[in-house]
């Protein structure tokens, strides 16, 4: 039976389970299970997120690039256990997206 990736992704709730899925199911070249070796840590201040929205964020991690010049990234953002703060999420996305310059 073919794996339903959408259903599997809905069940992933932790970064280690995401890494396991990417490595084992999608054959991504991830060589270690060491969480700290696989990620970069960010603070809200580093991303320029204001204090009001930063208070809603518990941690921000990024999966290290898997190849040179990788044009995308995977971020794991842990918010306080309440409703998803859409404004805070928008601020994070605005800070981590690469802007294309007008020619």
PDB file of N, CA and C in Angstrom:
ATOM      1  N   UNK A   1       0.836  -1.175   0.000  1.00  0.00           N
ATOM      2  CA  UNK A   1       0.000   0.000   0.000  1.00  0.00           C
ATOM      3  C   UNK A   1       0.889   1.250   0.000  1.00  0.00           C
ATOM      4  N   UNK A   2       0.549   2.210  -0.817  1.00  0.00           N
ATOM      5  CA  UNK A   2       1.326   3.441  -0.904  1.00  0.00           C
ATOM      6  C   UNK A   2       1.134   4.272   0.365  1.00  0.00           C
ATOM      7  N   UNK A   3       2.201   4.927   0.773  1.00  0.00           N
ATOM      8  CA  UNK A   3       2.169   5.755   1.975  1.00  0.00           C
ATOM      9  C   UNK A   3       1.447   7.067   1.675  1.00  0.00           C
ATOM     10  N   UNK A   4       0.480   7.424   2.504  1.00  0.00           N
ATOM     11  CA  UNK A   4      -0.232   8.683   2.356  1.00  0.00           C
ATOM     12  C   UNK A   4       0.551   9.738   3.140  1.00  0.00           C
ATOM     13  N   UNK A   5       1.399  10.491   2.432  1.00  0.00           N
ATOM     14  CA  UNK A   5       2.287  11.448   3.081  1.00  0.00           C
ATOM     15  C   UNK A   5       1.531  12.549   3.813  1.00  0.00           C
ATOM     16  N   UNK A   6       0.406  12.963   3.294  1.00  0.00           N
ATOM     17  CA  UNK A   6      -0.371  14.012   3.984  1.00  0.00           C
ATOM     18  C   UNK A   6      -0.832  13.539   5.356  1.00  0.00           C
ATOM     19  N   UNK A   7      -1.312  12.321   5.421  1.00  0.00           N
ATOM     20  CA  UNK A   7      -1.776  11.788   6.701  1.00  0.00           C
ATOM     21  C   UNK A   7      -0.615  11.612   7.681  1.00  0.00           C
ATOM     22  N   UNK A   8       0.521  11.147   7.174  1.00  0.00           N
ATOM     23  CA  UNK A   8       1.696  10.977   8.029  1.00  0.00           C
ATOM     24  C   UNK A   8       2.148  12.332   8.565  1.00  0.00           C
ATOM     25  N   UNK A   9       2.210  13.337   7.711  1.00  0.00           N
ATOM     26  CA  UNK A   9       2.643  14.676   8.134  1.00  0.00           C
ATOM     27  C   UNK A   9       1.706  15.275   9.185  1.00  0.00           C
ATOM     28  N   UNK A  10       0.430  14.999   9.090  1.00  0.00           N
ATOM     29  CA  UNK A  10      -0.525  15.500  10.089  1.00  0.00           C
ATOM     30  C   UNK A  10      -0.224  14.956  11.481  1.00  0.00           C
ATOM     31  N   UNK A  11       0.351  13.762  11.543  1.00  0.00           N
ATOM     32  CA  UNK A  11       0.625  13.120  12.825  1.00  0.00           C
ATOM     33  C   UNK A  11       1.972  13.509  13.425  1.00  0.00           C
ATOM     34  N   UNK A  12       2.829  14.175  12.657  1.00  0.00           N
ATOM     35  CA  UNK A  12       4.149  14.561  13.157  1.00  0.00           C
ATOM     36  C   UNK A  12       3.999  15.779  14.056  1.00  0.00           C
ATOM     37  N   UNK A  13       4.438  15.626  15.289  1.00  0.00           N
ATOM     38  CA  UNK A  13       4.289  16.695  16.287  1.00  0.00           C
ATOM     39  C   UNK A  13       5.611  17.150  16.880  1.00  0.00           C
ATOM     40  N   UNK A  14       6.687  16.428  16.621  1.00  0.00           N
ATOM     41  CA  UNK A  14       7.983  16.781  17.192  1.00  0.00           C
ATOM     42  C   UNK A  14       9.048  16.826  16.099  1.00  0.00           C
ATOM     43  N   UNK A  15      10.099  17.571  16.377  1.00  0.00           N
ATOM     44  CA  UNK A  15      11.189  17.675  15.420  1.00  0.00           C
ATOM     45  C   UNK A  15      11.872  16.324  15.196  1.00  0.00           C
ATOM     46  N   UNK A  16      12.153  15.535  16.249  1.00  0.00           N
ATOM     47  CA  UNK A  16      12.753  14.213  16.015  1.00  0.00           C
ATOM     48  C   UNK A  16      11.892  13.302  15.132  1.00  0.00           C
ATOM     49  N   UNK A  17      10.576  13.371  15.279  1.00  0.00           N
ATOM     50  CA  UNK A  17       9.721  12.542  14.423  1.00  0.00           C
ATOM     51  C   UNK A  17       9.731  13.053  12.982  1.00  0.00           C
ATOM     52  N   UNK A  18       9.875  14.352  12.796  1.00  0.00           N
ATOM     53  CA  UNK A  18      10.014  14.905  11.445  1.00  0.00           C
ATOM     54  C   UNK A  18      11.303  14.417  10.798  1.00  0.00           C
ATOM     55  N   UNK A  19      12.401  14.442  11.553  1.00  0.00           N
ATOM     56  CA  UNK A  19      13.689  13.983  11.031  1.00  0.00           C
ATOM     57  C   UNK A  19      13.610  12.509  10.642  1.00  0.00           C
ATOM     58  N   UNK A  20      12.988  11.714  11.492  1.00  0.00           N
ATOM     59  CA  UNK A  20      12.836  10.285  11.197  1.00  0.00           C
ATOM     60  C   UNK A  20      12.057  10.094   9.897  1.00  0.00           C
ATOM     61  N   UNK A  21      10.989  10.833   9.723  1.00  0.00           N
ATOM     62  CA  UNK A  21      10.172  10.747   8.507  1.00  0.00           C
ATOM     63  C   UNK A  21      10.980  11.154   7.268  1.00  0.00           C
ATOM     64  N   UNK A  22      11.673  12.289   7.352  1.00  0.00           N
ATOM     65  CA  UNK A  22      12.453  12.761   6.202  1.00  0.00           C
ATOM     66  C   UNK A  22      13.541  11.758   5.814  1.00  0.00           C
ATOM     67  N   UNK A  23      14.204  11.185   6.806  1.00  0.00           N
ATOM     68  CA  UNK A  23      15.292  10.231   6.553  1.00  0.00           C
ATOM     69  C   UNK A  23      14.766   8.879   6.088  1.00  0.00           C
ATOM     70  N   UNK A  24      13.824   8.314   6.820  1.00  0.00           N
ATOM     71  CA  UNK A  24      13.396   6.940   6.577  1.00  0.00           C
ATOM     72  C   UNK A  24      12.370   6.802   5.458  1.00  0.00           C
ATOM     73  N   UNK A  25      11.465   7.744   5.351  1.00  0.00           N
ATOM     74  CA  UNK A  25      10.406   7.630   4.345  1.00  0.00           C
ATOM     75  C   UNK A  25      10.734   8.354   3.036  1.00  0.00           C
ATOM     76  N   UNK A  26      11.450   9.469   3.138  1.00  0.00           N
ATOM     77  CA  UNK A  26      11.752  10.254   1.929  1.00  0.00           C
ATOM     78  C   UNK A  26      13.204  10.139   1.474  1.00  0.00           C
ATOM     79  N   UNK A  27      13.999   9.356   2.216  1.00  0.00           N
ATOM     80  CA  UNK A  27      15.408   9.109   1.865  1.00  0.00           C
ATOM     81  C   UNK A  27      16.259  10.374   1.794  1.00  0.00           C
ATOM     82  N   UNK A  28      15.993  11.326   2.689  1.00  0.00           N
ATOM     83  CA  UNK A  28      16.829  12.513   2.755  1.00  0.00           C
ATOM     84  C   UNK A  28      18.176  12.117   3.362  1.00  0.00           C
ATOM     85  N   UNK A  29      19.260  12.761   2.924  1.00  0.00           N
ATOM     86  CA  UNK A  29      20.603  12.396   3.411  1.00  0.00           C
ATOM     87  C   UNK A  29      20.917  12.950   4.801  1.00  0.00           C
ATOM     88  N   UNK A  30      20.216  12.454   5.796  1.00  0.00           N
ATOM     89  CA  UNK A  30      20.422  12.872   7.179  1.00  0.00           C
ATOM     90  C   UNK A  30      21.193  11.760   7.864  1.00  0.00           C
ATOM     91  N   UNK A  31      22.392  12.096   8.360  1.00  0.00           N
ATOM     92  CA  UNK A  31      23.304  11.081   8.866  1.00  0.00           C
ATOM     93  C   UNK A  31      23.266  10.864  10.373  1.00  0.00           C
ATOM     94  N   UNK A  32      22.624  11.731  11.104  1.00  0.00           N
ATOM     95  CA  UNK A  32      22.677  11.640  12.562  1.00  0.00           C
ATOM     96  C   UNK A  32      21.291  11.795  13.158  1.00  0.00           C
ATOM     97  N   UNK A  33      21.129  11.319  14.360  1.00  0.00           N
ATOM     98  CA  UNK A  33      19.895  11.536  15.115  1.00  0.00           C
ATOM     99  C   UNK A  33      20.073  12.617  16.168  1.00  0.00           C
ATOM    100  N   UNK A  34      21.280  13.154  16.257  1.00  0.00           N
ATOM    101  CA  UNK A  34      21.576  14.166  17.272  1.00  0.00           C
ATOM    102  C   UNK A  34      20.887  15.479  16.907  1.00  0.00           C
ATOM    103  N   UNK A  35      19.881  15.796  17.685  1.00  0.00           N
ATOM    104  CA  UNK A  35      19.050  16.969  17.444  1.00  0.00           C
ATOM    105  C   UNK A  35      19.876  18.249  17.328  1.00  0.00           C
ATOM    106  N   UNK A  36      20.856  18.414  18.198  1.00  0.00           N
ATOM    107  CA  UNK A  36      21.669  19.633  18.212  1.00  0.00           C
ATOM    108  C   UNK A  36      22.571  19.741  16.974  1.00  0.00           C
ATOM    109  N   UNK A  37      23.042  18.612  16.463  1.00  0.00           N
ATOM    110  CA  UNK A  37      23.873  18.631  15.261  1.00  0.00           C
ATOM    111  C   UNK A  37      23.062  18.918  13.999  1.00  0.00           C
ATOM    112  N   UNK A  38      21.780  18.675  14.044  1.00  0.00           N
ATOM    113  CA  UNK A  38      20.919  18.838  12.873  1.00  0.00           C
ATOM    114  C   UNK A  38      20.322  20.229  12.726  1.00  0.00           C
ATOM    115  N   UNK A  39      20.434  21.037  13.772  1.00  0.00           N
ATOM    116  CA  UNK A  39      19.697  22.303  13.755  1.00  0.00           C
ATOM    117  C   UNK A  39      20.552  23.506  14.131  1.00  0.00           C
ATOM    118  N   UNK A  40      20.069  24.658  13.699  1.00  0.00           N
ATOM    119  CA  UNK A  40      20.554  25.957  14.167  1.00  0.00           C
ATOM    120  C   UNK A  40      19.468  26.495  15.092  1.00  0.00           C
ATOM    121  N   UNK A  41      19.854  27.156  16.157  1.00  0.00           N
ATOM    122  CA  UNK A  41      18.895  27.826  17.034  1.00  0.00           C
ATOM    123  C   UNK A  41      18.819  29.298  16.660  1.00  0.00           C
ATOM    124  N   UNK A  42      17.627  29.844  16.717  1.00  0.00           N
ATOM    125  CA  UNK A  42      17.410  31.266  16.506  1.00  0.00           C
ATOM    126  C   UNK A  42      16.690  31.827  17.718  1.00  0.00           C
ATOM    127  N   UNK A  43      16.879  33.094  17.961  1.00  0.00           N
ATOM    128  CA  UNK A  43      16.080  33.788  18.966  1.00  0.00           C
ATOM    129  C   UNK A  43      15.159  34.752  18.232  1.00  0.00           C
ATOM    130  N   UNK A  44      14.091  35.138  18.895  1.00  0.00           N
ATOM    131  CA  UNK A  44      13.169  36.099  18.296  1.00  0.00           C
ATOM    132  C   UNK A  44      13.889  37.413  17.997  1.00  0.00           C
ATOM    133  N   UNK A  45      14.818  37.789  18.873  1.00  0.00           N
ATOM    134  CA  UNK A  45      15.566  39.037  18.677  1.00  0.00           C
ATOM    135  C   UNK A  45      16.411  38.979  17.401  1.00  0.00           C
ATOM    136  N   UNK A  46      17.041  37.819  17.136  1.00  0.00           N
ATOM    137  CA  UNK A  46      17.850  37.671  15.927  1.00  0.00           C
ATOM    138  C   UNK A  46      17.021  37.861  14.665  1.00  0.00           C
ATOM    139  N   UNK A  47      15.758  37.506  14.734  1.00  0.00           N
ATOM    140  CA  UNK A  47      14.879  37.637  13.581  1.00  0.00           C
ATOM    141  C   UNK A  47      14.126  38.961  13.571  1.00  0.00           C
ATOM    142  N   UNK A  48      14.409  39.802  14.549  1.00  0.00           N
ATOM    143  CA  UNK A  48      13.782  41.125  14.591  1.00  0.00           C
ATOM    144  C   UNK A  48      12.313  41.095  14.964  1.00  0.00           C
ATOM    145  N   UNK A  49      11.920  40.127  15.759  1.00  0.00           N
ATOM    146  CA  UNK A  49      10.522  40.014  16.164  1.00  0.00           C
ATOM    147  C   UNK A  49      10.311  40.821  17.430  1.00  0.00           C
ATOM    148  N   UNK A  50       9.258  41.643  17.443  1.00  0.00           N
ATOM    149  CA  UNK A  50       9.014  42.531  18.574  1.00  0.00           C
ATOM    150  C   UNK A  50       8.709  41.745  19.850  1.00  0.00           C
ATOM    151  N   UNK A  51       8.859  42.405  20.986  1.00  0.00           N
ATOM    152  CA  UNK A  51       8.732  41.777  22.301  1.00  0.00           C
ATOM    153  C   UNK A  51       7.351  41.161  22.508  1.00  0.00           C
ATOM    154  N   UNK A  52       6.308  41.838  22.057  1.00  0.00           N
ATOM    155  CA  UNK A  52       4.945  41.338  22.256  1.00  0.00           C
ATOM    156  C   UNK A  52       4.759  39.985  21.568  1.00  0.00           C
ATOM    157  N   UNK A  53       5.247  39.846  20.336  1.00  0.00           N
ATOM    158  CA  UNK A  53       5.106  38.583  19.618  1.00  0.00           C
ATOM    159  C   UNK A  53       6.150  37.563  20.053  1.00  0.00           C
ATOM    160  N   UNK A  54       7.319  38.023  20.466  1.00  0.00           N
ATOM    161  CA  UNK A  54       8.373  37.118  20.915  1.00  0.00           C
ATOM    162  C   UNK A  54       7.941  36.349  22.153  1.00  0.00           C
ATOM    163  N   UNK A  55       7.100  36.952  22.976  1.00  0.00           N
ATOM    164  CA  UNK A  55       6.643  36.293  24.198  1.00  0.00           C
ATOM    165  C   UNK A  55       5.821  35.049  23.896  1.00  0.00           C
ATOM    166  N   UNK A  56       5.267  34.959  22.699  1.00  0.00           N
ATOM    167  CA  UNK A  56       4.439  33.815  22.319  1.00  0.00           C
ATOM    168  C   UNK A  56       5.268  32.661  21.754  1.00  0.00           C
ATOM    169  N   UNK A  57       6.569  32.880  21.556  1.00  0.00           N
ATOM    170  CA  UNK A  57       7.444  31.892  20.935  1.00  0.00           C
ATOM    171  C   UNK A  57       8.330  31.250  21.995  1.00  0.00           C
ATOM    172  N   UNK A  58       8.316  29.922  22.065  1.00  0.00           N
ATOM    173  CA  UNK A  58       9.172  29.220  23.023  1.00  0.00           C
ATOM    174  C   UNK A  58      10.534  28.909  22.416  1.00  0.00           C
ATOM    175  N   UNK A  59      10.572  28.495  21.140  1.00  0.00           N
ATOM    176  CA  UNK A  59      11.854  28.240  20.484  1.00  0.00           C
ATOM    177  C   UNK A  59      11.700  28.246  18.975  1.00  0.00           C
ATOM    178  N   UNK A  60      12.815  28.557  18.298  1.00  0.00           N
ATOM    179  CA  UNK A  60      12.875  28.543  16.842  1.00  0.00           C
ATOM    180  C   UNK A  60      14.132  27.770  16.463  1.00  0.00           C
ATOM    181  N   UNK A  61      13.958  26.748  15.630  1.00  0.00           N
ATOM    182  CA  UNK A  61      15.087  25.949  15.162  1.00  0.00           C
ATOM    183  C   UNK A  61      14.989  25.824  13.648  1.00  0.00           C
ATOM    184  N   UNK A  62      16.123  25.642  13.012  1.00  0.00           N
ATOM    185  CA  UNK A  62      16.151  25.430  11.570  1.00  0.00           C
ATOM    186  C   UNK A  62      16.967  24.184  11.274  1.00  0.00           C
ATOM    187  N   UNK A  63      16.449  23.343  10.419  1.00  0.00           N
ATOM    188  CA  UNK A  63      17.194  22.181   9.963  1.00  0.00           C
ATOM    189  C   UNK A  63      18.374  22.675   9.136  1.00  0.00           C
ATOM    190  N   UNK A  64      19.564  22.202   9.451  1.00  0.00           N
ATOM    191  CA  UNK A  64      20.749  22.610   8.699  1.00  0.00           C
ATOM    192  C   UNK A  64      20.593  22.230   7.238  1.00  0.00           C
ATOM    193  N   UNK A  65      21.118  23.035   6.321  1.00  0.00           N
ATOM    194  CA  UNK A  65      21.020  22.692   4.898  1.00  0.00           C
ATOM    195  C   UNK A  65      21.635  21.320   4.612  1.00  0.00           C
ATOM    196  N   UNK A  66      21.005  20.602   3.718  1.00  0.00           N
ATOM    197  CA  UNK A  66      21.449  19.261   3.371  1.00  0.00           C
ATOM    198  C   UNK A  66      22.426  19.260   2.203  1.00  0.00           C
ATOM    199  N   UNK A  67      22.488  20.380   1.492  1.00  0.00           N
ATOM    200  CA  UNK A  67      23.434  20.500   0.383  1.00  0.00           C
ATOM    201  C   UNK A  67      23.866  21.952   0.257  1.00  0.00           C
ATOM    202  N   UNK A  68      24.953  22.167  -0.448  1.00  0.00           N
ATOM    203  CA  UNK A  68      25.461  23.519  -0.665  1.00  0.00           C
ATOM    204  C   UNK A  68      24.456  24.307  -1.504  1.00  0.00           C
ATOM    205  N   UNK A  69      24.274  25.554  -1.168  1.00  0.00           N
ATOM    206  CA  UNK A  69      23.372  26.467  -1.886  1.00  0.00           C
ATOM    207  C   UNK A  69      21.922  25.999  -1.902  1.00  0.00           C
ATOM    208  N   UNK A  70      21.501  25.330  -0.864  1.00  0.00           N
ATOM    209  CA  UNK A  70      20.104  24.892  -0.756  1.00  0.00           C
ATOM    210  C   UNK A  70      19.219  26.133  -0.676  1.00  0.00           C
ATOM    211  N   UNK A  71      18.269  26.297  -1.601  1.00  0.00           N
ATOM    212  CA  UNK A  71      17.496  27.541  -1.667  1.00  0.00           C
ATOM    213  C   UNK A  71      16.300  27.616  -0.720  1.00  0.00           C
ATOM    214  N   UNK A  72      16.101  26.640   0.137  1.00  0.00           N
ATOM    215  CA  UNK A  72      14.958  26.618   1.031  1.00  0.00           C
ATOM    216  C   UNK A  72      15.386  26.099   2.404  1.00  0.00           C
ATOM    217  N   UNK A  73      14.526  26.257   3.366  1.00  0.00           N
ATOM    218  CA  UNK A  73      14.848  25.786   4.709  1.00  0.00           C
ATOM    219  C   UNK A  73      13.606  25.268   5.410  1.00  0.00           C
ATOM    220  N   UNK A  74      13.837  24.452   6.420  1.00  0.00           N
ATOM    221  CA  UNK A  74      12.743  23.946   7.250  1.00  0.00           C
ATOM    222  C   UNK A  74      12.941  24.507   8.647  1.00  0.00           C
ATOM    223  N   UNK A  75      11.924  25.195   9.142  1.00  0.00           N
ATOM    224  CA  UNK A  75      11.965  25.789  10.465  1.00  0.00           C
ATOM    225  C   UNK A  75      10.964  25.078  11.370  1.00  0.00           C
ATOM    226  N   UNK A  76      11.349  24.927  12.618  1.00  0.00           N
ATOM    227  CA  UNK A  76      10.494  24.344  13.641  1.00  0.00           C
ATOM    228  C   UNK A  76      10.286  25.443  14.674  1.00  0.00           C
ATOM    229  N   UNK A  77       9.046  25.897  14.784  1.00  0.00           N
ATOM    230  CA  UNK A  77       8.731  26.984  15.709  1.00  0.00           C
ATOM    231  C   UNK A  77       7.773  26.443  16.759  1.00  0.00           C
ATOM    232  N   UNK A  78       8.188  26.551  18.005  1.00  0.00           N
ATOM    233  CA  UNK A  78       7.353  26.079  19.117  1.00  0.00           C
ATOM    234  C   UNK A  78       6.761  27.304  19.808  1.00  0.00           C
ATOM    235  N   UNK A  79       5.424  27.381  19.767  1.00  0.00           N
ATOM    236  CA  UNK A  79       4.718  28.493  20.394  1.00  0.00           C
ATOM    237  C   UNK A  79       4.208  28.071  21.764  1.00  0.00           C
ATOM    238  N   UNK A  80       3.853  29.067  22.585  1.00  0.00           N
ATOM    239  CA  UNK A  80       3.239  28.759  23.859  1.00  0.00           C
ATOM    240  C   UNK A  80       1.948  27.983  23.577  1.00  0.00           C
ATOM    241  N   UNK A  81       1.539  27.115  24.494  1.00  0.00           N
ATOM    242  CA  UNK A  81       0.402  26.224  24.220  1.00  0.00           C
ATOM    243  C   UNK A  81      -0.960  26.913  24.316  1.00  0.00           C
ATOM    244  N   UNK A  82      -1.204  27.797  23.396  1.00  0.00           N
ATOM    245  CA  UNK A  82      -2.498  28.470  23.286  1.00  0.00           C
ATOM    246  C   UNK A  82      -2.861  28.480  21.813  1.00  0.00           C
ATOM    247  N   UNK A  83      -3.657  29.398  21.397  1.00  0.00           N
ATOM    248  CA  UNK A  83      -3.985  29.513  19.977  1.00  0.00           C
ATOM    249  C   UNK A  83      -2.746  29.922  19.195  1.00  0.00           C
ATOM    250  N   UNK A  84      -2.683  29.465  17.942  1.00  0.00           N
ATOM    251  CA  UNK A  84      -1.563  29.811  17.073  1.00  0.00           C
ATOM    252  C   UNK A  84      -1.568  31.322  16.843  1.00  0.00           C
ATOM    253  N   UNK A  85      -0.487  32.004  17.239  1.00  0.00           N
ATOM    254  CA  UNK A  85      -0.420  33.457  17.054  1.00  0.00           C
ATOM    255  C   UNK A  85      -0.040  33.785  15.610  1.00  0.00           C
ATOM    256  N   UNK A  86      -1.035  34.065  14.795  1.00  0.00           N
ATOM    257  CA  UNK A  86      -0.833  34.290  13.365  1.00  0.00           C
ATOM    258  C   UNK A  86       0.098  35.476  13.119  1.00  0.00           C
ATOM    259  N   UNK A  87      -0.031  36.533  13.891  1.00  0.00           N
ATOM    260  CA  UNK A  87       0.837  37.696  13.704  1.00  0.00           C
ATOM    261  C   UNK A  87       2.300  37.324  13.939  1.00  0.00           C
ATOM    262  N   UNK A  88       2.559  36.566  14.995  1.00  0.00           N
ATOM    263  CA  UNK A  88       3.931  36.136  15.276  1.00  0.00           C
ATOM    264  C   UNK A  88       4.457  35.253  14.160  1.00  0.00           C
ATOM    265  N   UNK A  89       3.641  34.354  13.660  1.00  0.00           N
ATOM    266  CA  UNK A  89       4.054  33.481  12.563  1.00  0.00           C
ATOM    267  C   UNK A  89       4.371  34.295  11.309  1.00  0.00           C
ATOM    268  N   UNK A  90       3.555  35.271  11.002  1.00  0.00           N
ATOM    269  CA  UNK A  90       3.821  36.143   9.844  1.00  0.00           C
ATOM    270  C   UNK A  90       5.143  36.902  10.003  1.00  0.00           C
ATOM    271  N   UNK A  91       5.419  37.387  11.205  1.00  0.00           N
ATOM    272  CA  UNK A  91       6.683  38.104  11.455  1.00  0.00           C
ATOM    273  C   UNK A  91       7.878  37.189  11.234  1.00  0.00           C
ATOM    274  N   UNK A  92       7.776  35.953  11.724  1.00  0.00           N
ATOM    275  CA  UNK A  92       8.865  34.993  11.537  1.00  0.00           C
ATOM    276  C   UNK A  92       9.078  34.730  10.058  1.00  0.00           C
ATOM    277  N   UNK A  93       8.015  34.441   9.344  1.00  0.00           N
ATOM    278  CA  UNK A  93       8.135  34.148   7.912  1.00  0.00           C
ATOM    279  C   UNK A  93       8.695  35.339   7.140  1.00  0.00           C
ATOM    280  N   UNK A  94       8.281  36.530   7.522  1.00  0.00           N
ATOM    281  CA  UNK A  94       8.791  37.727   6.868  1.00  0.00           C
ATOM    282  C   UNK A  94      10.297  37.884   7.069  1.00  0.00           C
ATOM    283  N   UNK A  95      10.805  37.450   8.215  1.00  0.00           N
ATOM    284  CA  UNK A  95      12.232  37.600   8.528  1.00  0.00           C
ATOM    285  C   UNK A  95      13.101  36.520   7.911  1.00  0.00           C
ATOM    286  N   UNK A  96      12.550  35.331   7.681  1.00  0.00           N
ATOM    287  CA  UNK A  96      13.397  34.242   7.174  1.00  0.00           C
ATOM    288  C   UNK A  96      13.324  34.073   5.668  1.00  0.00           C
ATOM    289  N   UNK A  97      12.351  34.689   5.014  1.00  0.00           N
ATOM    290  CA  UNK A  97      12.251  34.566   3.559  1.00  0.00           C
ATOM    291  C   UNK A  97      13.328  35.420   2.891  1.00  0.00           C
ATOM    292  N   UNK A  98      13.906  34.871   1.847  1.00  0.00           N
ATOM    293  CA  UNK A  98      14.885  35.630   1.079  1.00  0.00           C
ATOM    294  C   UNK A  98      14.143  36.540   0.125  1.00  0.00           C
ATOM    295  N   UNK A  99      14.456  37.795   0.163  1.00  0.00           N
ATOM    296  CA  UNK A  99      13.794  38.766  -0.706  1.00  0.00           C
ATOM    297  C   UNK A  99      14.500  38.809  -2.051  1.00  0.00           C
ATOM    298  N   UNK A 100      13.711  38.833  -3.115  1.00  0.00           N
ATOM    299  CA  UNK A 100      14.289  38.994  -4.438  1.00  0.00           C
ATOM    300  C   UNK A 100      14.353  40.480  -4.741  1.00  0.00           C
ATOM    301  N   UNK A 101      15.501  40.918  -5.206  1.00  0.00           N
ATOM    302  CA  UNK A 101      15.657  42.338  -5.528  1.00  0.00           C
ATOM    303  C   UNK A 101      15.172  42.625  -6.924  1.00  0.00           C
ATOM    304  N   UNK A 102      14.610  43.785  -7.089  1.00  0.00           N
ATOM    305  CA  UNK A 102      14.189  44.197  -8.418  1.00  0.00           C
ATOM    306  C   UNK A 102      15.417  44.478  -9.265  1.00  0.00           C
ATOM    307  N   UNK A 103      15.382  44.035 -10.495  1.00  0.00           N
ATOM    308  CA  UNK A 103      16.533  44.240 -11.391  1.00  0.00           C
ATOM    309  C   UNK A 103      16.536  45.613 -11.985  1.00  0.00           C
TER     310      UNK A 103
END
